[in-house]
């Protein structure tokens, strides 16, 4: 995402470790005001505190789970727009 200055990295098994300035929250897919507990599948929200003059709050259409402060990306919503900078066209 170009909106974020922070990045998350994976050391394998599909679990990502966010930077110290990034916070991940998992929201309910039907109620965006309700946040889920660890281990439950929902939509990924990202808060990026790395920006100097602003704070990015990103509501994605990606599905994921929290594992402590780490997170897992499971896929996209059905009918979600295809986005990203590393897309392969068929």
PDB file of N, CA and C in Angstrom:
ATOM      1  N   UNK A   1       0.836  -1.184   0.000  1.00  0.00           N
ATOM      2  CA  UNK A   1       0.000   0.000   0.000  1.00  0.00           C
ATOM      3  C   UNK A   1       0.875   1.240   0.000  1.00  0.00           C
ATOM      4  N   UNK A   2       0.621   2.116  -0.889  1.00  0.00           N
ATOM      5  CA  UNK A   2       1.432   3.320  -0.937  1.00  0.00           C
ATOM      6  C   UNK A   2       1.065   4.302   0.160  1.00  0.00           C
ATOM      7  N   UNK A   3      -0.090   4.134   0.802  1.00  0.00           N
ATOM      8  CA  UNK A   3      -0.498   5.039   1.868  1.00  0.00           C
ATOM      9  C   UNK A   3       0.315   4.839   3.131  1.00  0.00           C
ATOM     10  N   UNK A   4       0.930   3.665   3.270  1.00  0.00           N
ATOM     11  CA  UNK A   4       1.633   3.327   4.498  1.00  0.00           C
ATOM     12  C   UNK A   4       3.134   3.535   4.360  1.00  0.00           C
ATOM     13  N   UNK A   5       3.741   4.080   5.385  1.00  0.00           N
ATOM     14  CA  UNK A   5       5.193   4.166   5.422  1.00  0.00           C
ATOM     15  C   UNK A   5       5.785   2.935   6.102  1.00  0.00           C
ATOM     16  N   UNK A   6       5.040   2.345   7.014  1.00  0.00           N
ATOM     17  CA  UNK A   6       5.500   1.145   7.714  1.00  0.00           C
ATOM     18  C   UNK A   6       5.300  -0.079   6.841  1.00  0.00           C
ATOM     19  N   UNK A   7       6.015  -1.142   7.176  1.00  0.00           N
ATOM     20  CA  UNK A   7       5.853  -2.400   6.472  1.00  0.00           C
ATOM     21  C   UNK A   7       5.829  -3.528   7.478  1.00  0.00           C
ATOM     22  N   UNK A   8       5.220  -4.646   7.073  1.00  0.00           N
ATOM     23  CA  UNK A   8       5.214  -5.858   7.891  1.00  0.00           C
ATOM     24  C   UNK A   8       5.996  -6.922   7.140  1.00  0.00           C
ATOM     25  N   UNK A   9       6.640  -7.799   7.864  1.00  0.00           N
ATOM     26  CA  UNK A   9       7.481  -8.830   7.262  1.00  0.00           C
ATOM     27  C   UNK A   9       7.063 -10.198   7.757  1.00  0.00           C
ATOM     28  N   UNK A  10       7.242 -11.194   6.904  1.00  0.00           N
ATOM     29  CA  UNK A  10       6.933 -12.575   7.280  1.00  0.00           C
ATOM     30  C   UNK A  10       8.214 -13.392   7.284  1.00  0.00           C
ATOM     31  N   UNK A  11       8.348 -14.222   8.310  1.00  0.00           N
ATOM     32  CA  UNK A  11       9.472 -15.148   8.395  1.00  0.00           C
ATOM     33  C   UNK A  11       9.024 -16.557   8.030  1.00  0.00           C
ATOM     34  N   UNK A  12       7.816 -16.661   7.449  1.00  0.00           N
ATOM     35  CA  UNK A  12       7.279 -17.944   7.016  1.00  0.00           C
ATOM     36  C   UNK A  12       5.936 -18.216   7.646  1.00  0.00           C
ATOM     37  N   UNK A  13       5.284 -19.259   7.172  1.00  0.00           N
ATOM     38  CA  UNK A  13       3.980 -19.704   7.672  1.00  0.00           C
ATOM     39  C   UNK A  13       2.879 -18.675   7.486  1.00  0.00           C
ATOM     40  N   UNK A  14       3.090 -17.635   6.667  1.00  0.00           N
ATOM     41  CA  UNK A  14       2.053 -16.652   6.390  1.00  0.00           C
ATOM     42  C   UNK A  14       1.731 -15.712   7.530  1.00  0.00           C
ATOM     43  N   UNK A  15       2.546 -15.707   8.585  1.00  0.00           N
ATOM     44  CA  UNK A  15       2.340 -14.806   9.719  1.00  0.00           C
ATOM     45  C   UNK A  15       3.240 -13.586   9.527  1.00  0.00           C
ATOM     46  N   UNK A  16       2.641 -12.391   9.594  1.00  0.00           N
ATOM     47  CA  UNK A  16       3.385 -11.154   9.397  1.00  0.00           C
ATOM     48  C   UNK A  16       3.649 -10.462  10.716  1.00  0.00           C
ATOM     49  N   UNK A  17       4.835  -9.897  10.832  1.00  0.00           N
ATOM     50  CA  UNK A  17       5.254  -9.143  12.012  1.00  0.00           C
ATOM     51  C   UNK A  17       5.234  -7.669  11.621  1.00  0.00           C
ATOM     52  N   UNK A  18       4.347  -6.870  12.227  1.00  0.00           N
ATOM     53  CA  UNK A  18       4.286  -5.451  11.868  1.00  0.00           C
ATOM     54  C   UNK A  18       5.443  -4.676  12.491  1.00  0.00           C
ATOM     55  N   UNK A  19       5.771  -3.537  11.901  1.00  0.00           N
ATOM     56  CA  UNK A  19       6.791  -2.672  12.483  1.00  0.00           C
ATOM     57  C   UNK A  19       6.276  -2.099  13.801  1.00  0.00           C
ATOM     58  N   UNK A  20       7.153  -1.467  14.549  1.00  0.00           N
ATOM     59  CA  UNK A  20       6.760  -0.912  15.857  1.00  0.00           C
ATOM     60  C   UNK A  20       5.796   0.261  15.724  1.00  0.00           C
ATOM     61  N   UNK A  21       5.680   0.842  14.541  1.00  0.00           N
ATOM     62  CA  UNK A  21       4.770   1.973  14.343  1.00  0.00           C
ATOM     63  C   UNK A  21       3.451   1.574  13.692  1.00  0.00           C
ATOM     64  N   UNK A  22       3.262   0.282  13.460  1.00  0.00           N
ATOM     65  CA  UNK A  22       2.054  -0.210  12.789  1.00  0.00           C
ATOM     66  C   UNK A  22       1.182  -0.982  13.778  1.00  0.00           C
ATOM     67  N   UNK A  23      -0.116  -0.730  13.737  1.00  0.00           N
ATOM     68  CA  UNK A  23      -1.075  -1.477  14.543  1.00  0.00           C
ATOM     69  C   UNK A  23      -2.095  -2.111  13.609  1.00  0.00           C
ATOM     70  N   UNK A  24      -2.420  -3.372  13.875  1.00  0.00           N
ATOM     71  CA  UNK A  24      -3.383  -4.113  13.068  1.00  0.00           C
ATOM     72  C   UNK A  24      -4.599  -4.410  13.934  1.00  0.00           C
ATOM     73  N   UNK A  25      -5.778  -4.179  13.381  1.00  0.00           N
ATOM     74  CA  UNK A  25      -7.032  -4.507  14.053  1.00  0.00           C
ATOM     75  C   UNK A  25      -7.869  -5.315  13.070  1.00  0.00           C
ATOM     76  N   UNK A  26      -8.625  -6.277  13.579  1.00  0.00           N
ATOM     77  CA  UNK A  26      -9.487  -7.103  12.741  1.00  0.00           C
ATOM     78  C   UNK A  26     -10.941  -6.736  13.043  1.00  0.00           C
ATOM     79  N   UNK A  27     -11.662  -6.285  12.009  1.00  0.00           N
ATOM     80  CA  UNK A  27     -13.050  -5.855  12.206  1.00  0.00           C
ATOM     81  C   UNK A  27     -14.003  -6.905  11.661  1.00  0.00           C
ATOM     82  N   UNK A  28     -15.210  -6.876  12.157  1.00  0.00           N
ATOM     83  CA  UNK A  28     -16.277  -7.735  11.660  1.00  0.00           C
ATOM     84  C   UNK A  28     -16.583  -7.340  10.219  1.00  0.00           C
ATOM     85  N   UNK A  29     -16.806  -8.308   9.360  1.00  0.00           N
ATOM     86  CA  UNK A  29     -17.061  -8.010   7.945  1.00  0.00           C
ATOM     87  C   UNK A  29     -18.445  -7.413   7.697  1.00  0.00           C
ATOM     88  N   UNK A  30     -19.348  -7.559   8.658  1.00  0.00           N
ATOM     89  CA  UNK A  30     -20.706  -7.030   8.503  1.00  0.00           C
ATOM     90  C   UNK A  30     -20.950  -5.779   9.332  1.00  0.00           C
ATOM     91  N   UNK A  31     -20.137  -5.555  10.363  1.00  0.00           N
ATOM     92  CA  UNK A  31     -20.271  -4.370  11.222  1.00  0.00           C
ATOM     93  C   UNK A  31     -18.885  -3.764  11.416  1.00  0.00           C
ATOM     94  N   UNK A  32     -18.527  -2.733  10.640  1.00  0.00           N
ATOM     95  CA  UNK A  32     -17.176  -2.180  10.694  1.00  0.00           C
ATOM     96  C   UNK A  32     -16.818  -1.514  12.014  1.00  0.00           C
ATOM     97  N   UNK A  33     -17.796  -1.328  12.892  1.00  0.00           N
ATOM     98  CA  UNK A  33     -17.524  -0.725  14.202  1.00  0.00           C
ATOM     99  C   UNK A  33     -17.194  -1.760  15.270  1.00  0.00           C
ATOM    100  N   UNK A  34     -17.329  -3.050  14.930  1.00  0.00           N
ATOM    101  CA  UNK A  34     -17.095  -4.119  15.899  1.00  0.00           C
ATOM    102  C   UNK A  34     -15.777  -4.810  15.565  1.00  0.00           C
ATOM    103  N   UNK A  35     -14.863  -4.831  16.532  1.00  0.00           N
ATOM    104  CA  UNK A  35     -13.555  -5.454  16.331  1.00  0.00           C
ATOM    105  C   UNK A  35     -13.522  -6.828  16.971  1.00  0.00           C
ATOM    106  N   UNK A  36     -12.893  -7.757  16.264  1.00  0.00           N
ATOM    107  CA  UNK A  36     -12.870  -9.159  16.672  1.00  0.00           C
ATOM    108  C   UNK A  36     -11.687  -9.461  17.592  1.00  0.00           C
ATOM    109  N   UNK A  37     -11.809 -10.588  18.285  1.00  0.00           N
ATOM    110  CA  UNK A  37     -10.761 -11.040  19.192  1.00  0.00           C
ATOM    111  C   UNK A  37      -9.700 -11.803  18.404  1.00  0.00           C
ATOM    112  N   UNK A  38      -8.585 -12.053  19.064  1.00  0.00           N
ATOM    113  CA  UNK A  38      -7.487 -12.803  18.457  1.00  0.00           C
ATOM    114  C   UNK A  38      -7.974 -14.162  17.973  1.00  0.00           C
ATOM    115  N   UNK A  39      -7.506 -14.555  16.793  1.00  0.00           N
ATOM    116  CA  UNK A  39      -7.843 -15.853  16.243  1.00  0.00           C
ATOM    117  C   UNK A  39      -9.123 -15.898  15.435  1.00  0.00           C
ATOM    118  N   UNK A  40      -9.917 -14.817  15.444  1.00  0.00           N
ATOM    119  CA  UNK A  40     -11.146 -14.777  14.656  1.00  0.00           C
ATOM    120  C   UNK A  40     -10.869 -14.139  13.300  1.00  0.00           C
ATOM    121  N   UNK A  41     -11.514 -14.651  12.255  1.00  0.00           N
ATOM    122  CA  UNK A  41     -11.321 -14.136  10.898  1.00  0.00           C
ATOM    123  C   UNK A  41     -12.213 -12.931  10.649  1.00  0.00           C
ATOM    124  N   UNK A  42     -11.621 -11.881  10.120  1.00  0.00           N
ATOM    125  CA  UNK A  42     -12.355 -10.670   9.789  1.00  0.00           C
ATOM    126  C   UNK A  42     -11.554  -9.823   8.825  1.00  0.00           C
ATOM    127  N   UNK A  43     -11.970  -8.588   8.647  1.00  0.00           N
ATOM    128  CA  UNK A  43     -11.315  -7.664   7.732  1.00  0.00           C
ATOM    129  C   UNK A  43     -10.188  -6.924   8.451  1.00  0.00           C
ATOM    130  N   UNK A  44      -9.122  -6.651   7.725  1.00  0.00           N
ATOM    131  CA  UNK A  44      -7.932  -6.035   8.313  1.00  0.00           C
ATOM    132  C   UNK A  44      -8.026  -4.513   8.253  1.00  0.00           C
ATOM    133  N   UNK A  45      -7.794  -3.876   9.393  1.00  0.00           N
ATOM    134  CA  UNK A  45      -7.606  -2.430   9.491  1.00  0.00           C
ATOM    135  C   UNK A  45      -6.160  -2.191   9.888  1.00  0.00           C
ATOM    136  N   UNK A  46      -5.556  -1.153   9.321  1.00  0.00           N
ATOM    137  CA  UNK A  46      -4.162  -0.834   9.620  1.00  0.00           C
ATOM    138  C   UNK A  46      -4.081   0.609  10.101  1.00  0.00           C
ATOM    139  N   UNK A  47      -3.369   0.810  11.201  1.00  0.00           N
ATOM    140  CA  UNK A  47      -3.052   2.153  11.690  1.00  0.00           C
ATOM    141  C   UNK A  47      -1.543   2.307  11.554  1.00  0.00           C
ATOM    142  N   UNK A  48      -1.108   3.337  10.838  1.00  0.00           N
ATOM    143  CA  UNK A  48       0.314   3.565  10.609  1.00  0.00           C
ATOM    144  C   UNK A  48       0.725   4.858  11.290  1.00  0.00           C
ATOM    145  N   UNK A  49       1.549   4.739  12.315  1.00  0.00           N
ATOM    146  CA  UNK A  49       1.992   5.904  13.086  1.00  0.00           C
ATOM    147  C   UNK A  49       3.333   6.443  12.612  1.00  0.00           C
ATOM    148  N   UNK A  50       3.862   5.928  11.499  1.00  0.00           N
ATOM    149  CA  UNK A  50       5.191   6.326  11.027  1.00  0.00           C
ATOM    150  C   UNK A  50       5.204   7.684  10.334  1.00  0.00           C
ATOM    151  N   UNK A  51       4.062   8.163   9.884  1.00  0.00           N
ATOM    152  CA  UNK A  51       4.023   9.445   9.181  1.00  0.00           C
ATOM    153  C   UNK A  51       4.329  10.583  10.150  1.00  0.00           C
ATOM    154  N   UNK A  52       5.074  11.554   9.686  1.00  0.00           N
ATOM    155  CA  UNK A  52       5.473  12.662  10.551  1.00  0.00           C
ATOM    156  C   UNK A  52       4.312  13.622  10.809  1.00  0.00           C
ATOM    157  N   UNK A  53       3.582  13.988   9.769  1.00  0.00           N
ATOM    158  CA  UNK A  53       2.548  15.004   9.904  1.00  0.00           C
ATOM    159  C   UNK A  53       1.131  14.465   9.827  1.00  0.00           C
ATOM    160  N   UNK A  54       0.985  13.146   9.772  1.00  0.00           N
ATOM    161  CA  UNK A  54      -0.354  12.568   9.710  1.00  0.00           C
ATOM    162  C   UNK A  54      -0.322  11.149  10.263  1.00  0.00           C
ATOM    163  N   UNK A  55      -1.490  10.591  10.423  1.00  0.00           N
ATOM    164  CA  UNK A  55      -1.623   9.210  10.893  1.00  0.00           C
ATOM    165  C   UNK A  55      -2.575   8.506   9.940  1.00  0.00           C
ATOM    166  N   UNK A  56      -2.090   7.461   9.272  1.00  0.00           N
ATOM    167  CA  UNK A  56      -2.908   6.752   8.292  1.00  0.00           C
ATOM    168  C   UNK A  56      -3.777   5.702   8.966  1.00  0.00           C
ATOM    169  N   UNK A  57      -5.053   5.718   8.639  1.00  0.00           N
ATOM    170  CA  UNK A  57      -5.993   4.696   9.065  1.00  0.00           C
ATOM    171  C   UNK A  57      -6.530   4.055   7.800  1.00  0.00           C
ATOM    172  N   UNK A  58      -6.192   2.797   7.556  1.00  0.00           N
ATOM    173  CA  UNK A  58      -6.558   2.118   6.321  1.00  0.00           C
ATOM    174  C   UNK A  58      -7.533   0.988   6.638  1.00  0.00           C
ATOM    175  N   UNK A  59      -8.681   1.005   5.980  1.00  0.00           N
ATOM    176  CA  UNK A  59      -9.652  -0.079   6.084  1.00  0.00           C
ATOM    177  C   UNK A  59      -9.539  -0.892   4.801  1.00  0.00           C
ATOM    178  N   UNK A  60      -8.970  -2.095   4.899  1.00  0.00           N
ATOM    179  CA  UNK A  60      -8.727  -2.891   3.694  1.00  0.00           C
ATOM    180  C   UNK A  60      -9.914  -3.799   3.390  1.00  0.00           C
ATOM    181  N   UNK A  61      -9.862  -4.432   2.252  1.00  0.00           N
ATOM    182  CA  UNK A  61     -10.816  -5.474   1.883  1.00  0.00           C
ATOM    183  C   UNK A  61     -10.102  -6.827   1.907  1.00  0.00           C
ATOM    184  N   UNK A  62      -9.113  -6.921   2.806  1.00  0.00           N
ATOM    185  CA  UNK A  62      -8.374  -8.164   3.006  1.00  0.00           C
ATOM    186  C   UNK A  62      -8.908  -8.864   4.245  1.00  0.00           C
ATOM    187  N   UNK A  63      -8.955 -10.185   4.192  1.00  0.00           N
ATOM    188  CA  UNK A  63      -9.360 -10.987   5.348  1.00  0.00           C
ATOM    189  C   UNK A  63      -8.127 -11.445   6.101  1.00  0.00           C
ATOM    190  N   UNK A  64      -8.215 -11.465   7.427  1.00  0.00           N
ATOM    191  CA  UNK A  64      -7.072 -11.892   8.210  1.00  0.00           C
ATOM    192  C   UNK A  64      -7.441 -12.255   9.627  1.00  0.00           C
ATOM    193  N   UNK A  65      -6.409 -12.654  10.388  1.00  0.00           N
ATOM    194  CA  UNK A  65      -6.542 -13.011  11.801  1.00  0.00           C
ATOM    195  C   UNK A  65      -5.378 -12.408  12.560  1.00  0.00           C
ATOM    196  N   UNK A  66      -5.617 -12.045  13.807  1.00  0.00           N
ATOM    197  CA  UNK A  66      -4.545 -11.610  14.695  1.00  0.00           C
ATOM    198  C   UNK A  66      -3.972 -12.811  15.434  1.00  0.00           C
ATOM    199  N   UNK A  67      -2.671 -12.794  15.596  1.00  0.00           N
ATOM    200  CA  UNK A  67      -1.948 -13.782  16.403  1.00  0.00           C
ATOM    201  C   UNK A  67      -1.045 -12.979  17.333  1.00  0.00           C
ATOM    202  N   UNK A  68      -1.592 -12.536  18.461  1.00  0.00           N
ATOM    203  CA  UNK A  68      -0.861 -11.598  19.317  1.00  0.00           C
ATOM    204  C   UNK A  68      -0.799 -10.262  18.602  1.00  0.00           C
ATOM    205  N   UNK A  69       0.398  -9.683  18.465  1.00  0.00           N
ATOM    206  CA  UNK A  69       0.542  -8.444  17.691  1.00  0.00           C
ATOM    207  C   UNK A  69       0.787  -8.764  16.215  1.00  0.00           C
ATOM    208  N   UNK A  70       1.102 -10.011  15.911  1.00  0.00           N
ATOM    209  CA  UNK A  70       1.323 -10.442  14.531  1.00  0.00           C
ATOM    210  C   UNK A  70      -0.018 -10.743  13.869  1.00  0.00           C
ATOM    211  N   UNK A  71      -0.006 -10.874  12.545  1.00  0.00           N
ATOM    212  CA  UNK A  71      -1.256 -11.115  11.841  1.00  0.00           C
ATOM    213  C   UNK A  71      -1.034 -12.008  10.631  1.00  0.00           C
ATOM    214  N   UNK A  72      -2.142 -12.564  10.143  1.00  0.00           N
ATOM    215  CA  UNK A  72      -2.142 -13.461   8.997  1.00  0.00           C
ATOM    216  C   UNK A  72      -3.107 -12.908   7.962  1.00  0.00           C
ATOM    217  N   UNK A  73      -2.714 -12.887   6.698  1.00  0.00           N
ATOM    218  CA  UNK A  73      -3.584 -12.456   5.602  1.00  0.00           C
ATOM    219  C   UNK A  73      -4.120 -13.712   4.938  1.00  0.00           C
ATOM    220  N   UNK A  74      -5.455 -13.830   4.874  1.00  0.00           N
ATOM    221  CA  UNK A  74      -6.102 -15.043   4.367  1.00  0.00           C
ATOM    222  C   UNK A  74      -6.653 -14.895   2.956  1.00  0.00           C
ATOM    223  N   UNK A  75      -6.781 -13.677   2.467  1.00  0.00           N
ATOM    224  CA  UNK A  75      -7.338 -13.465   1.133  1.00  0.00           C
ATOM    225  C   UNK A  75      -8.087 -12.157   1.058  1.00  0.00           C
ATOM    226  N   UNK A  76      -8.934 -12.029   0.034  1.00  0.00           N
ATOM    227  CA  UNK A  76      -9.711 -10.817  -0.200  1.00  0.00           C
ATOM    228  C   UNK A  76     -11.200 -11.091  -0.037  1.00  0.00           C
ATOM    229  N   UNK A  77     -11.974 -10.039   0.180  1.00  0.00           N
ATOM    230  CA  UNK A  77     -13.437 -10.150   0.172  1.00  0.00           C
ATOM    231  C   UNK A  77     -13.876 -10.648  -1.199  1.00  0.00           C
ATOM    232  N   UNK A  78     -15.003 -11.331  -1.245  1.00  0.00           N
ATOM    233  CA  UNK A  78     -15.614 -11.653  -2.532  1.00  0.00           C
ATOM    234  C   UNK A  78     -15.977 -10.341  -3.222  1.00  0.00           C
ATOM    235  N   UNK A  79     -15.764 -10.258  -4.516  1.00  0.00           N
ATOM    236  CA  UNK A  79     -16.073  -9.077  -5.330  1.00  0.00           C
ATOM    237  C   UNK A  79     -15.260  -7.832  -4.963  1.00  0.00           C
ATOM    238  N   UNK A  80     -14.149  -8.004  -4.234  1.00  0.00           N
ATOM    239  CA  UNK A  80     -13.283  -6.868  -3.904  1.00  0.00           C
ATOM    240  C   UNK A  80     -12.486  -6.481  -5.142  1.00  0.00           C
ATOM    241  N   UNK A  81     -12.178  -5.194  -5.256  1.00  0.00           N
ATOM    242  CA  UNK A  81     -11.336  -4.734  -6.356  1.00  0.00           C
ATOM    243  C   UNK A  81      -9.967  -5.378  -6.246  1.00  0.00           C
ATOM    244  N   UNK A  82      -9.400  -5.731  -7.397  1.00  0.00           N
ATOM    245  CA  UNK A  82      -8.043  -6.260  -7.419  1.00  0.00           C
ATOM    246  C   UNK A  82      -7.110  -5.064  -7.342  1.00  0.00           C
ATOM    247  N   UNK A  83      -6.248  -5.059  -6.333  1.00  0.00           N
ATOM    248  CA  UNK A  83      -5.343  -3.919  -6.122  1.00  0.00           C
ATOM    249  C   UNK A  83      -3.980  -4.419  -5.736  1.00  0.00           C
ATOM    250  N   UNK A  84      -3.012  -3.552  -5.831  1.00  0.00           N
ATOM    251  CA  UNK A  84      -1.663  -3.874  -5.407  1.00  0.00           C
ATOM    252  C   UNK A  84      -0.646  -3.508  -6.468  1.00  0.00           C
ATOM    253  N   UNK A  85       0.605  -3.611  -6.104  1.00  0.00           N
ATOM    254  CA  UNK A  85       1.668  -3.236  -7.033  1.00  0.00           C
ATOM    255  C   UNK A  85       2.363  -4.459  -7.606  1.00  0.00           C
ATOM    256  N   UNK A  86       1.939  -5.662  -7.224  1.00  0.00           N
ATOM    257  CA  UNK A  86       2.586  -6.868  -7.708  1.00  0.00           C
ATOM    258  C   UNK A  86       1.524  -7.840  -8.230  1.00  0.00           C
ATOM    259  N   UNK A  87       0.724  -7.370  -9.169  1.00  0.00           N
ATOM    260  CA  UNK A  87      -0.358  -8.176  -9.712  1.00  0.00           C
ATOM    261  C   UNK A  87       0.075  -8.814 -11.023  1.00  0.00           C
ATOM    262  N   UNK A  88      -0.262 -10.071 -11.196  1.00  0.00           N
ATOM    263  CA  UNK A  88       0.039 -10.762 -12.437  1.00  0.00           C
ATOM    264  C   UNK A  88      -1.218 -10.791 -13.293  1.00  0.00           C
ATOM    265  N   UNK A  89      -1.139 -10.299 -14.502  1.00  0.00           N
ATOM    266  CA  UNK A  89      -2.280 -10.301 -15.406  1.00  0.00           C
ATOM    267  C   UNK A  89      -2.312 -11.611 -16.177  1.00  0.00           C
ATOM    268  N   UNK A  90      -3.487 -12.183 -16.296  1.00  0.00           N
ATOM    269  CA  UNK A  90      -3.649 -13.435 -17.065  1.00  0.00           C
ATOM    270  C   UNK A  90      -4.257 -13.143 -18.398  1.00  0.00           C
TER     271      UNK A  90
END
